Amino acid sequence: MKGKSFPRKNNPVKTRKRSTALAGYLHLMGLLVLLAAYTSGFGQSLSFELKESPDVEFVFNTVQKYQSGVVVPNAMTLRIIADGVNWNLYVGAETDSPGYWNELTAYSTYGNEPTTEMLELRFRNTANTSQQQGWFPLTDINTPVYIIGSESPGDPSVDCPGQGTNTSGSYLSEPQCYRFNVDLRVIPGFELKPGLYNLIIKYVIVEDL
């Protein structure tokens, strides 16, 4: 005797969709400041000019941006004029708490405060005169990174187009040595506290006494 057959119920298999949600987002603002230092000697001067806008923003609102980071190429261009002097060029961050970005608005209580070293810079010109080749982390202005020269007085003179060029010259006549394009990069990862932060980047050019 054959058993009764019952219609099969259509029971679809339930699947879970994989998704990643960002609780808030990270918004970093870098305010770029130039300081020009002039020598005390008669007829001697040292200065540089800013070509691009001084404000740069990094907004991390996607998983890809958190993982891969954001690069701002040619964020600014430094154009140097050195008349009768050797010079040093260095860069550093100015914040309320050395080593950390200034927190303007917190979107969460979880996560780590972003450090200034998370922001990386790259100085480029056609003669490759920068002493810092490739990307390097931003440090506090009290312990700056020297692009040209050092904190020690009386560095050896280096003429264009040598690496570390620090003698008299101008971007008008020798742009390959006296003009720098500056790129900025941040790769935050997922451990930082979402929020709005800012810092000041100081580019300082001084006579090498």
Protein backbone atom coordinates (compact mmCIF):
# COMPACT_ATOMS: atom_id res chain seq x y z
CA MET A 1 0.00 0.00 0.00
CA LYS A 2 1.41 3.19 -1.05
CA GLY A 3 1.65 5.95 1.50
CA LYS A 4 0.09 9.26 0.91
CA SER A 5 2.23 11.83 -0.70
CA PHE A 6 2.20 15.30 0.68
CA PRO A 7 3.15 18.40 -1.22
CA ARG A 8 6.53 19.74 -0.29
CA LYS A 9 6.61 23.05 1.42
CA ASN A 10 8.84 25.59 -0.13
CA ASN A 11 11.32 26.38 2.66
CA PRO A 12 13.96 28.70 1.24
CA VAL A 13 17.35 28.68 2.91
CA LYS A 14 17.93 31.89 4.79
CA THR A 15 21.25 33.60 4.18
CA ARG A 16 22.87 36.49 5.96
CA LYS A 17 24.19 39.38 4.00
CA ARG A 18 27.67 40.42 4.97
CA SER A 19 27.96 44.10 5.59
CA THR A 20 30.34 46.48 7.27
CA ALA A 21 29.04 49.63 8.89
CA LEU A 22 31.14 52.57 9.99
CA ALA A 23 30.08 54.12 13.25
CA GLY A 24 30.60 57.73 12.37
CA TYR A 25 33.62 58.65 10.31
CA LEU A 26 37.04 60.22 10.57
CA HIS A 27 37.49 63.77 9.32
CA LEU A 28 40.99 65.24 9.44
CA MET A 29 41.82 68.82 8.52
CA GLY A 30 45.40 69.95 7.96
CA LEU A 31 46.01 73.69 8.07
CA LEU A 32 49.23 74.45 6.25
CA VAL A 33 51.24 77.40 7.54
CA LEU A 34 54.37 78.93 6.04
CA LEU A 35 56.96 80.78 8.08
CA ALA A 36 59.55 82.82 6.19
CA ALA A 37 62.78 83.72 7.99
CA TYR A 38 64.96 86.60 6.84
CA THR A 39 68.64 87.03 7.55
CA SER A 40 70.04 89.95 9.47
CA GLY A 41 72.79 90.59 6.93
CA PHE A 42 72.55 93.62 4.67
CA GLY A 43 71.31 92.74 1.19
CA GLN A 44 70.62 89.12 2.15
CA SER A 45 67.17 87.57 2.30
CA LEU A 46 65.49 84.21 2.52
CA SER A 47 61.85 83.50 1.72
CA PHE A 48 59.45 81.12 0.10
CA GLU A 49 56.05 81.37 -1.47
CA LEU A 50 52.96 79.19 -1.31
CA LYS A 51 51.31 78.26 -4.57
CA GLU A 52 48.33 76.11 -3.50
CA SER A 53 45.48 76.57 -1.02
CA PRO A 54 46.70 76.17 2.58
CA ASP A 55 43.78 73.97 3.73
CA VAL A 56 43.66 70.22 3.09
CA GLU A 57 40.93 67.84 4.28
CA PHE A 58 40.90 64.06 4.64
CA VAL A 59 37.45 62.46 4.97
CA PHE A 60 37.27 58.72 5.70
CA ASN A 61 33.69 57.56 5.17
CA THR A 62 34.16 54.24 3.35
CA VAL A 63 35.84 50.96 4.25
CA GLN A 64 38.19 51.29 1.29
CA LYS A 65 39.42 54.70 2.47
CA TYR A 66 40.09 53.34 5.96
CA GLN A 67 42.04 50.40 4.52
CA SER A 68 43.87 51.99 1.60
CA GLY A 69 44.13 55.56 2.86
CA VAL A 70 43.81 58.86 1.05
CA VAL A 71 46.58 60.59 -0.90
CA VAL A 72 46.51 64.29 -1.77
CA PRO A 73 49.12 64.82 -4.50
CA ASN A 74 50.57 68.30 -4.96
CA ALA A 75 48.82 69.53 -1.83
CA MET A 76 51.08 72.54 -2.01
CA THR A 77 54.12 73.91 -3.80
CA LEU A 78 56.99 75.65 -2.00
CA ARG A 79 58.95 78.13 -4.10
CA ILE A 80 62.21 79.25 -2.52
CA ILE A 81 64.33 82.36 -3.01
CA ALA A 82 67.68 82.45 -1.18
CA ASP A 83 69.77 85.56 -1.76
CA GLY A 84 73.34 85.38 -0.48
CA VAL A 85 72.70 82.77 2.23
CA ASN A 86 72.81 79.06 2.91
CA TRP A 87 69.56 77.72 4.32
CA ASN A 88 67.75 74.94 6.13
CA LEU A 89 64.20 73.75 5.49
CA TYR A 90 62.23 71.70 8.01
CA VAL A 91 58.64 70.72 8.73
CA GLY A 92 56.68 69.84 11.86
CA ALA A 93 53.22 69.75 13.39
CA GLU A 94 51.80 72.20 15.91
CA THR A 95 49.00 70.86 18.13
CA ASP A 96 47.66 71.38 21.64
CA SER A 97 49.04 68.00 22.78
CA PRO A 98 52.35 67.25 21.04
CA GLY A 99 52.12 64.11 18.96
CA TYR A 100 48.33 64.11 18.59
CA TRP A 101 45.77 65.84 16.40
CA ASN A 102 43.45 68.40 18.01
CA GLU A 103 40.01 66.91 18.63
CA LEU A 104 37.25 69.31 17.56
CA THR A 105 34.25 66.95 17.66
CA ALA A 106 34.05 63.32 18.84
CA TYR A 107 31.59 60.98 17.11
CA SER A 108 32.31 58.10 19.47
CA THR A 109 33.98 57.32 22.79
CA TYR A 110 35.74 54.25 21.41
CA GLY A 111 39.03 54.09 19.58
CA ASN A 112 42.47 55.69 19.71
CA GLU A 113 43.31 59.33 19.21
CA PRO A 114 45.01 59.96 15.84
CA THR A 115 48.72 60.71 16.10
CA THR A 116 50.53 63.31 14.04
CA GLU A 117 52.80 60.58 12.63
CA MET A 118 49.75 59.10 10.91
CA LEU A 119 50.07 61.97 8.42
CA GLU A 120 52.88 61.32 5.95
CA LEU A 121 54.55 63.78 3.60
CA ARG A 122 56.65 63.54 0.48
CA PHE A 123 58.78 66.38 -0.95
CA ARG A 124 59.53 66.20 -4.66
CA ASN A 125 61.43 68.20 -7.25
CA THR A 126 63.03 67.23 -10.53
CA ALA A 127 66.58 67.26 -9.12
CA ASN A 128 65.58 65.13 -6.08
CA THR A 129 67.35 67.50 -3.69
CA SER A 130 65.26 66.55 -0.65
CA GLN A 131 67.17 64.65 2.03
CA GLN A 132 63.96 62.74 2.76
CA GLN A 133 63.38 60.38 -0.15
CA GLY A 134 59.85 59.01 -0.32
CA TRP A 135 57.17 59.18 2.38
CA PHE A 136 58.02 60.11 5.97
CA PRO A 137 55.82 60.65 9.07
CA LEU A 138 55.06 64.12 10.39
CA THR A 139 56.57 64.82 13.81
CA ASP A 140 56.09 67.59 16.35
CA ILE A 141 57.57 70.98 15.50
CA ASN A 142 59.88 70.65 18.52
CA THR A 143 61.50 67.63 16.85
CA PRO A 144 61.03 68.48 13.17
CA VAL A 145 62.06 66.61 10.05
CA TYR A 146 64.76 68.38 8.03
CA ILE A 147 64.18 68.41 4.29
CA ILE A 148 67.35 70.43 3.69
CA GLY A 149 70.20 70.82 6.18
CA SER A 150 70.16 69.93 9.86
CA GLU A 151 69.83 71.46 13.30
CA SER A 152 73.62 71.71 13.52
CA PRO A 153 75.09 75.04 12.36
CA GLY A 154 77.38 75.34 9.38
CA ASP A 155 76.28 72.46 7.14
CA PRO A 156 78.54 71.90 4.10
CA SER A 157 77.50 73.93 1.06
CA VAL A 158 75.72 71.94 -1.64
CA ASP A 159 75.10 73.59 -4.99
CA CYS A 160 72.25 72.77 -7.34
CA PRO A 161 71.55 70.05 -8.49
CA GLY A 162 73.12 68.09 -5.64
CA GLN A 163 70.99 66.32 -3.04
CA GLY A 164 70.61 68.66 -0.08
CA THR A 165 71.07 71.83 -2.18
CA ASN A 166 71.29 74.66 0.36
CA THR A 167 73.12 77.55 -1.35
CA SER A 168 71.87 80.77 -2.90
CA GLY A 169 69.39 80.37 -5.72
CA SER A 170 65.83 80.89 -6.84
CA TYR A 171 62.93 78.85 -8.16
CA LEU A 172 62.73 81.42 -10.98
CA SER A 173 66.08 80.40 -12.48
CA GLU A 174 66.55 76.88 -11.04
CA PRO A 175 63.12 75.39 -10.32
CA GLN A 176 64.57 71.87 -10.30
CA CYS A 177 66.25 72.65 -6.95
CA TYR A 178 64.32 75.51 -5.38
CA ARG A 179 60.74 74.38 -5.91
CA PHE A 180 59.16 71.51 -3.99
CA ASN A 181 55.84 69.78 -4.59
CA VAL A 182 54.46 68.36 -1.35
CA ASP A 183 52.20 65.28 -1.28
CA LEU A 184 50.20 64.24 1.79
CA ARG A 185 48.95 60.77 2.76
CA VAL A 186 46.94 59.24 5.63
CA ILE A 187 46.22 55.52 6.10
CA PRO A 188 44.10 55.41 9.29
CA GLY A 189 43.09 51.75 9.70
CA PHE A 190 40.12 50.86 11.92
CA GLU A 191 41.49 51.54 15.42
CA LEU A 192 40.97 55.31 15.51
CA LYS A 193 38.16 57.15 17.26
CA PRO A 194 35.74 58.67 14.72
CA GLY A 195 35.60 62.43 14.90
CA LEU A 196 36.67 65.78 13.53
CA TYR A 197 40.32 66.70 14.08
CA ASN A 198 42.79 69.31 12.90
CA LEU A 199 46.44 70.29 13.13
CA ILE A 200 48.82 72.91 11.80
CA ILE A 201 51.74 71.95 9.57
CA LYS A 202 54.64 74.39 9.76
CA TYR A 203 57.16 74.69 6.96
CA VAL A 204 60.13 76.69 8.22
CA ILE A 205 63.06 78.03 6.22
CA VAL A 206 65.96 79.59 8.14
CA GLU A 207 69.47 80.77 7.46
CA ASP A 208 72.13 78.15 8.21
CA LEU A 209 74.33 80.16 10.55
